Amino acid sequence: MPATIDQLIINSPYEEPSSYPAFLIRLTSGTTLVLEVKGQDSQQDRTKREFLDEWVRAVNQHGGFGRWAWDVSRDPSDIGGLLEKHMGS
């Protein structure tokens, strides 16, 4: 059974308003990739990714929402490589 978006919203408990991923991408492999696009990196961004990593591991361990992965693009030219990297996930 596919998950509905209200079941999969990622809220960041440390900031207002809540933070949402930049892109949710369904790859042909079936993996859903959470892709953040960032220029500069802050401590808040690193903390957010720690929570995201924990969330993705928990969802994958549960197994009921398909396979998930996450990554960060810091340059638009690297997005193709990031997508290829996760195609086998």
Protein backbone atom coordinates (compact mmCIF):
# COMPACT_ATOMS: atom_id res chain seq x y z
CA MET A 1 0.00 0.00 0.00
CA PRO A 2 1.57 3.35 -1.01
CA ALA A 3 2.11 5.90 1.72
CA THR A 4 0.12 9.10 1.57
CA ILE A 5 1.92 12.41 1.81
CA ASP A 6 0.40 13.21 5.21
CA GLN A 7 2.06 10.04 6.55
CA LEU A 8 5.47 11.01 5.21
CA ILE A 9 5.82 14.71 6.01
CA ILE A 10 9.20 15.40 7.57
CA ASN A 11 8.88 18.06 10.25
CA SER A 12 11.92 19.59 11.89
CA PRO A 13 11.19 20.00 15.59
CA TYR A 14 13.82 22.70 16.08
CA GLU A 15 12.54 25.44 13.81
CA GLU A 16 9.39 27.33 12.88
CA PRO A 17 7.85 27.05 10.42
CA SER A 18 8.44 23.36 9.85
CA SER A 19 10.99 22.45 7.23
CA TYR A 20 10.21 20.30 4.19
CA PRO A 21 12.63 18.67 1.75
CA ALA A 22 13.36 20.52 -1.46
CA PHE A 23 12.48 17.54 -3.68
CA LEU A 24 11.02 14.06 -3.30
CA ILE A 25 12.10 12.09 -6.38
CA ARG A 26 10.79 8.61 -7.24
CA LEU A 27 13.63 6.86 -9.06
CA THR A 28 13.06 4.11 -11.63
CA SER A 29 14.59 1.71 -9.10
CA GLY A 30 11.59 2.42 -6.85
CA THR A 31 13.64 4.33 -4.28
CA THR A 32 12.28 7.69 -3.14
CA LEU A 33 15.14 10.18 -2.91
CA VAL A 34 14.89 13.18 -0.58
CA LEU A 35 17.10 15.73 -2.35
CA GLU A 36 18.06 18.92 -0.55
CA VAL A 37 19.59 21.74 -2.58
CA LYS A 38 21.94 23.93 -0.57
CA GLY A 39 24.46 26.65 -1.22
CA GLN A 40 26.18 27.32 2.06
CA ASP A 41 25.98 24.88 4.94
CA SER A 42 25.06 25.89 8.49
CA GLN A 43 24.99 24.05 11.79
CA GLN A 44 21.20 24.04 11.50
CA ASP A 45 21.50 22.31 8.09
CA ARG A 46 23.82 19.65 9.54
CA THR A 47 21.42 19.04 12.44
CA LYS A 48 18.52 18.78 10.01
CA ARG A 49 20.42 16.15 8.00
CA GLU A 50 21.11 14.15 11.17
CA PHE A 51 17.34 13.99 11.79
CA LEU A 52 16.72 13.19 8.12
CA ASP A 53 19.26 10.35 8.19
CA GLU A 54 17.61 8.91 11.31
CA TRP A 55 14.16 9.21 9.70
CA VAL A 56 15.25 7.51 6.45
CA ARG A 57 16.88 4.64 8.38
CA ALA A 58 13.72 4.17 10.47
CA VAL A 59 11.41 4.20 7.43
CA ASN A 60 13.64 1.70 5.60
CA GLN A 61 13.79 -0.55 8.67
CA HIS A 62 9.99 -0.46 8.96
CA GLY A 63 9.74 -1.57 5.34
CA GLY A 64 6.14 -0.52 4.81
CA PHE A 65 6.80 2.67 2.84
CA GLY A 66 9.23 1.46 0.19
CA ARG A 67 12.94 2.22 -0.01
CA TRP A 68 14.13 5.76 0.81
CA ALA A 69 17.46 7.58 0.48
CA TRP A 70 18.64 11.16 0.90
CA ASP A 71 21.36 13.41 -0.45
CA VAL A 72 22.40 17.05 -0.75
CA SER A 73 23.29 18.94 -3.91
CA ARG A 74 25.53 21.96 -3.51
CA ASP A 75 25.87 22.62 -7.24
CA PRO A 76 23.19 22.14 -9.93
CA SER A 77 25.74 20.40 -12.14
CA ASP A 78 26.09 17.52 -9.64
CA ILE A 79 22.40 16.52 -9.61
CA GLY A 80 22.77 14.03 -12.49
CA GLY A 81 25.59 12.27 -10.66
CA LEU A 82 23.60 12.16 -7.42
CA LEU A 83 20.62 10.62 -9.22
CA GLU A 84 22.86 7.98 -10.83
CA LYS A 85 24.44 7.25 -7.44
CA HIS A 86 21.04 6.40 -5.96
CA MET A 87 19.59 4.52 -8.95
CA GLY A 88 20.91 1.24 -7.58
CA SER A 89 19.56 1.90 -4.07
